[in-house]
Amino acid sequence: MPARSSDQPSPRSPQAGVVPDRVCGDCARDPQSFLSDVIPNDIQGTGLGMVRTTSATFGVAGPVLFGGLADLGYFHEGYVLLFVILLVVIGLTLRLPKPTA
């Protein structure tokens, strides 16, 4: 196994996590900071908590739901459902208010 050059970051180095931000620019921002500015102050804690809980629940339930559909023989329909969810997310994202400079 060849020795690693000292000027190359290892895959576990902090520098390896910086690459998506350099490549992708603004798309790698943390959406929670934007949402905390958009959600009204009187419901900010609850609102952000609901957004995080909902996204985590869908993130965990998605593979289980897709696997269940695939086991029932609805593999292609599962992909159609994922596509519809993607379109809904894109539509909701486009409705977000534009950040002010």
PDB file of N, CA and C in Angstrom:
ATOM      1  N   MET A   1       0.837  -1.165   0.000  1.00  0.00           N
ATOM      2  CA  MET A   1       0.000   0.000   0.000  1.00  0.00           C
ATOM      3  C   MET A   1       0.889   1.238   0.000  1.00  0.00           C
ATOM      4  N   PRO A   2       0.713   2.139  -0.969  1.00  0.00           N
ATOM      5  CA  PRO A   2       1.576   3.312  -1.027  1.00  0.00           C
ATOM      6  C   PRO A   2       1.290   4.271   0.122  1.00  0.00           C
ATOM      7  N   ALA A   3       2.347   4.947   0.534  1.00  0.00           N
ATOM      8  CA  ALA A   3       2.191   5.906   1.621  1.00  0.00           C
ATOM      9  C   ALA A   3       1.433   7.134   1.125  1.00  0.00           C
ATOM     10  N   ARG A   4       0.624   7.683   1.990  1.00  0.00           N
ATOM     11  CA  ARG A   4      -0.159   8.868   1.657  1.00  0.00           C
ATOM     12  C   ARG A   4       0.720  10.104   1.816  1.00  0.00           C
ATOM     13  N   SER A   5       0.647  10.975   0.849  1.00  0.00           N
ATOM     14  CA  SER A   5       1.401  12.214   0.908  1.00  0.00           C
ATOM     15  C   SER A   5       0.841  13.084   2.031  1.00  0.00           C
ATOM     16  N   SER A   6       1.694  13.816   2.702  1.00  0.00           N
ATOM     17  CA  SER A   6       1.239  14.628   3.828  1.00  0.00           C
ATOM     18  C   SER A   6       0.381  15.819   3.390  1.00  0.00           C
ATOM     19  N   ASP A   7       0.460  16.218   2.115  1.00  0.00           N
ATOM     20  CA  ASP A   7      -0.346  17.358   1.678  1.00  0.00           C
ATOM     21  C   ASP A   7      -1.743  16.930   1.215  1.00  0.00           C
ATOM     22  N   GLN A   8      -2.039  15.631   1.160  1.00  0.00           N
ATOM     23  CA  GLN A   8      -3.376  15.164   0.805  1.00  0.00           C
ATOM     24  C   GLN A   8      -4.168  14.905   2.080  1.00  0.00           C
ATOM     25  N   PRO A   9      -5.366  15.474   2.186  1.00  0.00           N
ATOM     26  CA  PRO A   9      -6.145  15.215   3.403  1.00  0.00           C
ATOM     27  C   PRO A   9      -6.652  13.776   3.422  1.00  0.00           C
ATOM     28  N   SER A  10      -6.683  13.203   4.607  1.00  0.00           N
ATOM     29  CA  SER A  10      -7.249  11.867   4.720  1.00  0.00           C
ATOM     30  C   SER A  10      -8.768  11.976   4.590  1.00  0.00           C
ATOM     31  N   PRO A  11      -9.447  10.896   4.246  1.00  0.00           N
ATOM     32  CA  PRO A  11     -10.901  10.956   4.110  1.00  0.00           C
ATOM     33  C   PRO A  11     -11.607  11.352   5.394  1.00  0.00           C
ATOM     34  N   ARG A  12     -10.964  11.190   6.520  1.00  0.00           N
ATOM     35  CA  ARG A  12     -11.581  11.530   7.803  1.00  0.00           C
ATOM     36  C   ARG A  12     -11.171  12.906   8.323  1.00  0.00           C
ATOM     37  N   SER A  13     -10.398  13.641   7.568  1.00  0.00           N
ATOM     38  CA  SER A  13      -9.948  14.947   8.041  1.00  0.00           C
ATOM     39  C   SER A  13     -11.059  15.975   7.907  1.00  0.00           C
ATOM     40  N   PRO A  14     -11.015  17.049   8.698  1.00  0.00           N
ATOM     41  CA  PRO A  14     -12.029  18.095   8.593  1.00  0.00           C
ATOM     42  C   PRO A  14     -12.057  18.744   7.207  1.00  0.00           C
ATOM     43  N   GLN A  15     -10.942  18.734   6.498  1.00  0.00           N
ATOM     44  CA  GLN A  15     -10.894  19.343   5.170  1.00  0.00           C
ATOM     45  C   GLN A  15     -11.776  18.600   4.182  1.00  0.00           C
ATOM     46  N   ALA A  16     -11.977  17.303   4.391  1.00  0.00           N
ATOM     47  CA  ALA A  16     -12.786  16.517   3.464  1.00  0.00           C
ATOM     48  C   ALA A  16     -14.243  16.964   3.508  1.00  0.00           C
ATOM     49  N   GLY A  17     -14.730  17.478   4.633  1.00  0.00           N
ATOM     50  CA  GLY A  17     -16.106  17.939   4.744  1.00  0.00           C
ATOM     51  C   GLY A  17     -16.342  19.300   4.129  1.00  0.00           C
ATOM     52  N   VAL A  18     -15.291  20.010   3.800  1.00  0.00           N
ATOM     53  CA  VAL A  18     -15.411  21.357   3.237  1.00  0.00           C
ATOM     54  C   VAL A  18     -15.658  21.305   1.731  1.00  0.00           C
ATOM     55  N   VAL A  19     -15.356  20.203   1.097  1.00  0.00           N
ATOM     56  CA  VAL A  19     -15.455  20.101  -0.354  1.00  0.00           C
ATOM     57  C   VAL A  19     -16.848  20.416  -0.882  1.00  0.00           C
ATOM     58  N   PRO A  20     -17.956  19.870  -0.312  1.00  0.00           N
ATOM     59  CA  PRO A  20     -19.264  20.191  -0.891  1.00  0.00           C
ATOM     60  C   PRO A  20     -19.570  21.685  -0.878  1.00  0.00           C
ATOM     61  N   ASP A  21     -19.143  22.402   0.147  1.00  0.00           N
ATOM     62  CA  ASP A  21     -19.409  23.833   0.201  1.00  0.00           C
ATOM     63  C   ASP A  21     -18.637  24.569  -0.885  1.00  0.00           C
ATOM     64  N   ARG A  22     -17.423  24.134  -1.165  1.00  0.00           N
ATOM     65  CA  ARG A  22     -16.637  24.784  -2.212  1.00  0.00           C
ATOM     66  C   ARG A  22     -17.179  24.462  -3.596  1.00  0.00           C
ATOM     67  N   VAL A  23     -17.631  23.232  -3.787  1.00  0.00           N
ATOM     68  CA  VAL A  23     -18.145  22.818  -5.089  1.00  0.00           C
ATOM     69  C   VAL A  23     -19.531  23.384  -5.326  1.00  0.00           C
ATOM     70  N   CYS A  24     -20.360  23.330  -4.329  1.00  0.00           N
ATOM     71  CA  CYS A  24     -21.780  23.612  -4.471  1.00  0.00           C
ATOM     72  C   CYS A  24     -22.122  25.043  -4.083  1.00  0.00           C
ATOM     73  N   GLY A  25     -21.242  25.729  -3.411  1.00  0.00           N
ATOM     74  CA  GLY A  25     -21.492  27.117  -3.056  1.00  0.00           C
ATOM     75  C   GLY A  25     -22.623  27.264  -2.069  1.00  0.00           C
ATOM     76  N   ASP A  26     -23.660  27.971  -2.474  1.00  0.00           N
ATOM     77  CA  ASP A  26     -24.747  28.313  -1.572  1.00  0.00           C
ATOM     78  C   ASP A  26     -25.684  27.145  -1.298  1.00  0.00           C
ATOM     79  N   CYS A  27     -25.638  26.076  -2.108  1.00  0.00           N
ATOM     80  CA  CYS A  27     -26.590  24.980  -1.925  1.00  0.00           C
ATOM     81  C   CYS A  27     -26.262  24.128  -0.703  1.00  0.00           C
ATOM     82  N   ALA A  28     -25.088  24.260  -0.131  1.00  0.00           N
ATOM     83  CA  ALA A  28     -24.716  23.452   1.024  1.00  0.00           C
ATOM     84  C   ALA A  28     -24.984  24.183   2.343  1.00  0.00           C
ATOM     85  N   ARG A  29     -25.720  25.305   2.294  1.00  0.00           N
ATOM     86  CA  ARG A  29     -26.022  26.042   3.517  1.00  0.00           C
ATOM     87  C   ARG A  29     -26.913  25.223   4.435  1.00  0.00           C
ATOM     88  N   ASP A  30     -26.875  25.575   5.696  1.00  0.00           N
ATOM     89  CA  ASP A  30     -27.741  24.940   6.676  1.00  0.00           C
ATOM     90  C   ASP A  30     -29.127  25.554   6.567  1.00  0.00           C
ATOM     91  N   PRO A  31     -30.150  24.783   6.208  1.00  0.00           N
ATOM     92  CA  PRO A  31     -31.481  25.365   6.040  1.00  0.00           C
ATOM     93  C   PRO A  31     -32.103  25.807   7.351  1.00  0.00           C
ATOM     94  N   GLN A  32     -31.634  25.300   8.487  1.00  0.00           N
ATOM     95  CA  GLN A  32     -32.236  25.679   9.759  1.00  0.00           C
ATOM     96  C   GLN A  32     -31.997  27.144  10.084  1.00  0.00           C
ATOM     97  N   SER A  33     -30.851  27.691   9.714  1.00  0.00           N
ATOM     98  CA  SER A  33     -30.608  29.102   9.991  1.00  0.00           C
ATOM     99  C   SER A  33     -31.538  29.973   9.166  1.00  0.00           C
ATOM    100  N   PHE A  34     -31.810  29.566   7.930  1.00  0.00           N
ATOM    101  CA  PHE A  34     -32.756  30.308   7.098  1.00  0.00           C
ATOM    102  C   PHE A  34     -34.166  30.186   7.652  1.00  0.00           C
ATOM    103  N   LEU A  35     -34.557  28.976   8.049  1.00  0.00           N
ATOM    104  CA  LEU A  35     -35.897  28.777   8.589  1.00  0.00           C
ATOM    105  C   LEU A  35     -36.103  29.538   9.889  1.00  0.00           C
ATOM    106  N   SER A  36     -35.075  29.637  10.717  1.00  0.00           N
ATOM    107  CA  SER A  36     -35.225  30.373  11.968  1.00  0.00           C
ATOM    108  C   SER A  36     -35.434  31.865  11.715  1.00  0.00           C
ATOM    109  N   ASP A  37     -34.960  32.369  10.579  1.00  0.00           N
ATOM    110  CA  ASP A  37     -35.220  33.764  10.227  1.00  0.00           C
ATOM    111  C   ASP A  37     -36.613  33.948   9.639  1.00  0.00           C
ATOM    112  N   VAL A  38     -37.138  32.927   8.968  1.00  0.00           N
ATOM    113  CA  VAL A  38     -38.431  33.033   8.280  1.00  0.00           C
ATOM    114  C   VAL A  38     -39.604  32.783   9.223  1.00  0.00           C
ATOM    115  N   ILE A  39     -39.459  31.849  10.154  1.00  0.00           N
ATOM    116  CA  ILE A  39     -40.545  31.501  11.074  1.00  0.00           C
ATOM    117  C   ILE A  39     -40.762  32.667  12.042  1.00  0.00           C
ATOM    118  N   PRO A  40     -42.013  33.087  12.261  1.00  0.00           N
ATOM    119  CA  PRO A  40     -42.288  34.198  13.189  1.00  0.00           C
ATOM    120  C   PRO A  40     -41.749  33.920  14.591  1.00  0.00           C
ATOM    121  N   ASN A  41     -41.325  34.970  15.273  1.00  0.00           N
ATOM    122  CA  ASN A  41     -40.679  34.833  16.581  1.00  0.00           C
ATOM    123  C   ASN A  41     -41.563  34.164  17.624  1.00  0.00           C
ATOM    124  N   ASP A  42     -42.880  34.403  17.592  1.00  0.00           N
ATOM    125  CA  ASP A  42     -43.740  33.848  18.633  1.00  0.00           C
ATOM    126  C   ASP A  42     -43.904  32.330  18.521  1.00  0.00           C
ATOM    127  N   ILE A  43     -43.627  31.732  17.365  1.00  0.00           N
ATOM    128  CA  ILE A  43     -43.706  30.276  17.218  1.00  0.00           C
ATOM    129  C   ILE A  43     -42.385  29.685  16.744  1.00  0.00           C
ATOM    130  N   GLN A  44     -41.300  30.420  16.906  1.00  0.00           N
ATOM    131  CA  GLN A  44     -40.025  29.995  16.338  1.00  0.00           C
ATOM    132  C   GLN A  44     -39.551  28.653  16.895  1.00  0.00           C
ATOM    133  N   GLY A  45     -39.568  28.475  18.192  1.00  0.00           N
ATOM    134  CA  GLY A  45     -39.095  27.220  18.768  1.00  0.00           C
ATOM    135  C   GLY A  45     -39.958  26.047  18.363  1.00  0.00           C
ATOM    136  N   THR A  46     -41.273  26.212  18.483  1.00  0.00           N
ATOM    137  CA  THR A  46     -42.204  25.143  18.109  1.00  0.00           C
ATOM    138  C   THR A  46     -42.188  24.904  16.610  1.00  0.00           C
ATOM    139  N   GLY A  47     -42.171  25.974  15.829  1.00  0.00           N
ATOM    140  CA  GLY A  47     -42.188  25.838  14.371  1.00  0.00           C
ATOM    141  C   GLY A  47     -40.972  25.109  13.846  1.00  0.00           C
ATOM    142  N   LEU A  48     -39.793  25.509  14.318  1.00  0.00           N
ATOM    143  CA  LEU A  48     -38.571  24.844  13.866  1.00  0.00           C
ATOM    144  C   LEU A  48     -38.525  23.400  14.360  1.00  0.00           C
ATOM    145  N   GLY A  49     -39.034  23.162  15.570  1.00  0.00           N
ATOM    146  CA  GLY A  49     -39.104  21.799  16.089  1.00  0.00           C
ATOM    147  C   GLY A  49     -40.016  20.916  15.254  1.00  0.00           C
ATOM    148  N   MET A  50     -41.157  21.485  14.824  1.00  0.00           N
ATOM    149  CA  MET A  50     -42.084  20.721  13.981  1.00  0.00           C
ATOM    150  C   MET A  50     -41.453  20.408  12.626  1.00  0.00           C
ATOM    151  N   VAL A  51     -40.742  21.377  12.051  1.00  0.00           N
ATOM    152  CA  VAL A  51     -40.090  21.146  10.758  1.00  0.00           C
ATOM    153  C   VAL A  51     -39.037  20.054  10.886  1.00  0.00           C
ATOM    154  N   ARG A  52     -38.229  20.126  11.922  1.00  0.00           N
ATOM    155  CA  ARG A  52     -37.175  19.117  12.112  1.00  0.00           C
ATOM    156  C   ARG A  52     -37.766  17.747  12.407  1.00  0.00           C
ATOM    157  N   THR A  53     -38.803  17.692  13.246  1.00  0.00           N
ATOM    158  CA  THR A  53     -39.419  16.409  13.578  1.00  0.00           C
ATOM    159  C   THR A  53     -40.075  15.784  12.359  1.00  0.00           C
ATOM    160  N   THR A  54     -40.782  16.596  11.583  1.00  0.00           N
ATOM    161  CA  THR A  54     -41.445  16.090  10.382  1.00  0.00           C
ATOM    162  C   THR A  54     -40.435  15.581   9.367  1.00  0.00           C
ATOM    163  N   SER A  55     -39.373  16.352   9.135  1.00  0.00           N
ATOM    164  CA  SER A  55     -38.379  15.915   8.153  1.00  0.00           C
ATOM    165  C   SER A  55     -37.652  14.659   8.621  1.00  0.00           C
ATOM    166  N   ALA A  56     -37.367  14.554   9.915  1.00  0.00           N
ATOM    167  CA  ALA A  56     -36.713  13.347  10.433  1.00  0.00           C
ATOM    168  C   ALA A  56     -37.635  12.140  10.325  1.00  0.00           C
ATOM    169  N   THR A  57     -38.928  12.343  10.604  1.00  0.00           N
ATOM    170  CA  THR A  57     -39.886  11.237  10.519  1.00  0.00           C
ATOM    171  C   THR A  57     -40.012  10.732   9.088  1.00  0.00           C
ATOM    172  N   PHE A  58     -40.149  11.672   8.139  1.00  0.00           N
ATOM    173  CA  PHE A  58     -40.228  11.254   6.734  1.00  0.00           C
ATOM    174  C   PHE A  58     -38.925  10.615   6.275  1.00  0.00           C
ATOM    175  N   GLY A  59     -37.803  11.117   6.765  1.00  0.00           N
ATOM    176  CA  GLY A  59     -36.514  10.546   6.385  1.00  0.00           C
ATOM    177  C   GLY A  59     -36.342   9.112   6.865  1.00  0.00           C
ATOM    178  N   VAL A  60     -36.902   8.804   8.030  1.00  0.00           N
ATOM    179  CA  VAL A  60     -36.805   7.449   8.571  1.00  0.00           C
ATOM    180  C   VAL A  60     -37.876   6.541   7.967  1.00  0.00           C
ATOM    181  N   ALA A  61     -39.083   7.077   7.757  1.00  0.00           N
ATOM    182  CA  ALA A  61     -40.193   6.261   7.268  1.00  0.00           C
ATOM    183  C   ALA A  61     -40.091   5.975   5.765  1.00  0.00           C
ATOM    184  N   GLY A  62     -39.398   6.829   5.026  1.00  0.00           N
ATOM    185  CA  GLY A  62     -39.313   6.663   3.582  1.00  0.00           C
ATOM    186  C   GLY A  62     -38.769   5.321   3.129  1.00  0.00           C
ATOM    187  N   PRO A  63     -37.601   4.917   3.593  1.00  0.00           N
ATOM    188  CA  PRO A  63     -37.075   3.610   3.166  1.00  0.00           C
ATOM    189  C   PRO A  63     -37.957   2.438   3.597  1.00  0.00           C
ATOM    190  N   VAL A  64     -38.590   2.557   4.775  1.00  0.00           N
ATOM    191  CA  VAL A  64     -39.471   1.486   5.241  1.00  0.00           C
ATOM    192  C   VAL A  64     -40.696   1.382   4.336  1.00  0.00           C
ATOM    193  N   LEU A  65     -41.284   2.533   3.998  1.00  0.00           N
ATOM    194  CA  LEU A  65     -42.447   2.551   3.117  1.00  0.00           C
ATOM    195  C   LEU A  65     -42.084   2.013   1.728  1.00  0.00           C
ATOM    196  N   PHE A  66     -40.967   2.468   1.197  1.00  0.00           N
ATOM    197  CA  PHE A  66     -40.544   2.002  -0.124  1.00  0.00           C
ATOM    198  C   PHE A  66     -40.269   0.501  -0.113  1.00  0.00           C
ATOM    199  N   GLY A  67     -39.619   0.024   0.926  1.00  0.00           N
ATOM    200  CA  GLY A  67     -39.356  -1.413   1.034  1.00  0.00           C
ATOM    201  C   GLY A  67     -40.639  -2.223   1.123  1.00  0.00           C
ATOM    202  N   GLY A  68     -41.622  -1.700   1.860  1.00  0.00           N
ATOM    203  CA  GLY A  68     -42.914  -2.372   1.948  1.00  0.00           C
ATOM    204  C   GLY A  68     -43.617  -2.423   0.604  1.00  0.00           C
ATOM    205  N   LEU A  69     -43.583  -1.310  -0.125  1.00  0.00           N
ATOM    206  CA  LEU A  69     -44.185  -1.288  -1.459  1.00  0.00           C
ATOM    207  C   LEU A  69     -43.479  -2.270  -2.397  1.00  0.00           C
ATOM    208  N   ALA A  70     -42.166  -2.311  -2.318  1.00  0.00           N
ATOM    209  CA  ALA A  70     -41.403  -3.226  -3.172  1.00  0.00           C
ATOM    210  C   ALA A  70     -41.719  -4.677  -2.832  1.00  0.00           C
ATOM    211  N   ASP A  71     -41.852  -4.988  -1.547  1.00  0.00           N
ATOM    212  CA  ASP A  71     -42.195  -6.359  -1.147  1.00  0.00           C
ATOM    213  C   ASP A  71     -43.570  -6.771  -1.644  1.00  0.00           C
ATOM    214  N   LEU A  72     -44.476  -5.804  -1.760  1.00  0.00           N
ATOM    215  CA  LEU A  72     -45.826  -6.096  -2.250  1.00  0.00           C
ATOM    216  C   LEU A  72     -45.895  -6.140  -3.776  1.00  0.00           C
ATOM    217  N   GLY A  73     -44.761  -5.867  -4.428  1.00  0.00           N
ATOM    218  CA  GLY A  73     -44.726  -5.921  -5.884  1.00  0.00           C
ATOM    219  C   GLY A  73     -44.985  -4.576  -6.556  1.00  0.00           C
ATOM    220  N   TYR A  74     -44.983  -3.495  -5.790  1.00  0.00           N
ATOM    221  CA  TYR A  74     -45.227  -2.164  -6.340  1.00  0.00           C
ATOM    222  C   TYR A  74     -43.930  -1.360  -6.416  1.00  0.00           C
ATOM    223  N   PHE A  75     -42.902  -1.991  -6.951  1.00  0.00           N
ATOM    224  CA  PHE A  75     -41.584  -1.362  -7.000  1.00  0.00           C
ATOM    225  C   PHE A  75     -41.609  -0.105  -7.868  1.00  0.00           C
ATOM    226  N   HIS A  76     -42.174  -0.195  -9.053  1.00  0.00           N
ATOM    227  CA  HIS A  76     -42.219   0.966  -9.957  1.00  0.00           C
ATOM    228  C   HIS A  76     -43.110   2.064  -9.393  1.00  0.00           C
ATOM    229  N   GLU A  77     -44.207   1.682  -8.757  1.00  0.00           N
ATOM    230  CA  GLU A  77     -45.090   2.665  -8.150  1.00  0.00           C
ATOM    231  C   GLU A  77     -44.388   3.392  -6.999  1.00  0.00           C
ATOM    232  N   GLY A  78     -43.481   2.694  -6.321  1.00  0.00           N
ATOM    233  CA  GLY A  78     -42.698   3.327  -5.264  1.00  0.00           C
ATOM    234  C   GLY A  78     -41.834   4.452  -5.808  1.00  0.00           C
ATOM    235  N   TYR A  79     -41.234   4.215  -6.975  1.00  0.00           N
ATOM    236  CA  TYR A  79     -40.435   5.266  -7.599  1.00  0.00           C
ATOM    237  C   TYR A  79     -41.304   6.424  -8.064  1.00  0.00           C
ATOM    238  N   VAL A  80     -42.510   6.136  -8.537  1.00  0.00           N
ATOM    239  CA  VAL A  80     -43.432   7.210  -8.925  1.00  0.00           C
ATOM    240  C   VAL A  80     -43.797   8.034  -7.693  1.00  0.00           C
ATOM    241  N   LEU A  81     -44.047   7.370  -6.569  1.00  0.00           N
ATOM    242  CA  LEU A  81     -44.359   8.077  -5.326  1.00  0.00           C
ATOM    243  C   LEU A  81     -43.184   8.959  -4.894  1.00  0.00           C
ATOM    244  N   LEU A  82     -41.960   8.446  -4.994  1.00  0.00           N
ATOM    245  CA  LEU A  82     -40.782   9.252  -4.663  1.00  0.00           C
ATOM    246  C   LEU A  82     -40.676  10.473  -5.570  1.00  0.00           C
ATOM    247  N   PHE A  83     -41.005  10.302  -6.856  1.00  0.00           N
ATOM    248  CA  PHE A  83     -40.965  11.413  -7.794  1.00  0.00           C
ATOM    249  C   PHE A  83     -42.012  12.466  -7.441  1.00  0.00           C
ATOM    250  N   VAL A  84     -43.200  12.028  -7.066  1.00  0.00           N
ATOM    251  CA  VAL A  84     -44.257  12.976  -6.673  1.00  0.00           C
ATOM    252  C   VAL A  84     -43.838  13.736  -5.419  1.00  0.00           C
ATOM    253  N   ILE A  85     -43.259  13.031  -4.449  1.00  0.00           N
ATOM    254  CA  ILE A  85     -42.784  13.702  -3.232  1.00  0.00           C
ATOM    255  C   ILE A  85     -41.698  14.716  -3.581  1.00  0.00           C
ATOM    256  N   LEU A  86     -40.809  14.356  -4.493  1.00  0.00           N
ATOM    257  CA  LEU A  86     -39.759  15.278  -4.925  1.00  0.00           C
ATOM    258  C   LEU A  86     -40.361  16.531  -5.545  1.00  0.00           C
ATOM    259  N   LEU A  87     -41.379  16.368  -6.383  1.00  0.00           N
ATOM    260  CA  LEU A  87     -42.033  17.532  -6.991  1.00  0.00           C
ATOM    261  C   LEU A  87     -42.703  18.417  -5.944  1.00  0.00           C
ATOM    262  N   VAL A  88     -43.318  17.814  -4.946  1.00  0.00           N
ATOM    263  CA  VAL A  88     -43.945  18.594  -3.870  1.00  0.00           C
ATOM    264  C   VAL A  88     -42.886  19.383  -3.101  1.00  0.00           C
ATOM    265  N   VAL A  89     -41.772  18.744  -2.791  1.00  0.00           N
ATOM    266  CA  VAL A  89     -40.698  19.425  -2.057  1.00  0.00           C
ATOM    267  C   VAL A  89     -40.127  20.576  -2.886  1.00  0.00           C
ATOM    268  N   ILE A  90     -39.926  20.351  -4.176  1.00  0.00           N
ATOM    269  CA  ILE A  90     -39.423  21.426  -5.041  1.00  0.00           C
ATOM    270  C   ILE A  90     -40.424  22.580  -5.084  1.00  0.00           C
ATOM    271  N   GLY A  91     -41.712  22.258  -5.210  1.00  0.00           N
ATOM    272  CA  GLY A  91     -42.739  23.302  -5.230  1.00  0.00           C
ATOM    273  C   GLY A  91     -42.772  24.101  -3.940  1.00  0.00           C
ATOM    274  N   LEU A  92     -42.676  23.416  -2.804  1.00  0.00           N
ATOM    275  CA  LEU A  92     -42.665  24.124  -1.523  1.00  0.00           C
ATOM    276  C   LEU A  92     -41.402  24.958  -1.357  1.00  0.00           C
ATOM    277  N   THR A  93     -40.286  24.442  -1.850  1.00  0.00           N
ATOM    278  CA  THR A  93     -39.032  25.197  -1.760  1.00  0.00           C
ATOM    279  C   THR A  93     -39.096  26.464  -2.578  1.00  0.00           C
ATOM    280  N   LEU A  94     -39.703  26.393  -3.746  1.00  0.00           N
ATOM    281  CA  LEU A  94     -39.822  27.584  -4.585  1.00  0.00           C
ATOM    282  C   LEU A  94     -40.760  28.631  -3.984  1.00  0.00           C
ATOM    283  N   ARG A  95     -41.635  28.205  -3.100  1.00  0.00           N
ATOM    284  CA  ARG A  95     -42.556  29.152  -2.441  1.00  0.00           C
ATOM    285  C   ARG A  95     -41.945  29.842  -1.235  1.00  0.00           C
ATOM    286  N   LEU A  96     -40.764  29.386  -0.796  1.00  0.00           N
ATOM    287  CA  LEU A  96     -40.109  30.031   0.341  1.00  0.00           C
ATOM    288  C   LEU A  96     -39.783  31.475   0.015  1.00  0.00           C
ATOM    289  N   PRO A  97     -39.874  32.354   0.999  1.00  0.00           N
ATOM    290  CA  PRO A  97     -39.504  33.745   0.725  1.00  0.00           C
ATOM    291  C   PRO A  97     -38.025  33.865   0.378  1.00  0.00           C
ATOM    292  N   LYS A  98     -37.706  34.813  -0.475  1.00  0.00           N
ATOM    293  CA  LYS A  98     -36.310  35.047  -0.857  1.00  0.00           C
ATOM    294  C   LYS A  98     -35.577  35.722   0.297  1.00  0.00           C
ATOM    295  N   PRO A  99     -34.333  35.278   0.567  1.00  0.00           N
ATOM    296  CA  PRO A  99     -33.567  35.929   1.638  1.00  0.00           C
ATOM    297  C   PRO A  99     -33.218  37.358   1.251  1.00  0.00           C
ATOM    298  N   THR A 100     -33.243  38.221   2.245  1.00  0.00           N
ATOM    299  CA  THR A 100     -32.874  39.621   2.002  1.00  0.00           C
ATOM    300  C   THR A 100     -31.393  39.797   2.243  1.00  0.00           C
ATOM    301  N   ALA A 101     -30.797  40.651   1.464  1.00  0.00           N
ATOM    302  CA  ALA A 101     -29.346  40.876   1.583  1.00  0.00           C
ATOM    303  C   ALA A 101     -29.013  41.848   2.685  1.00  0.00           C
TER     304      ALA A 101
END
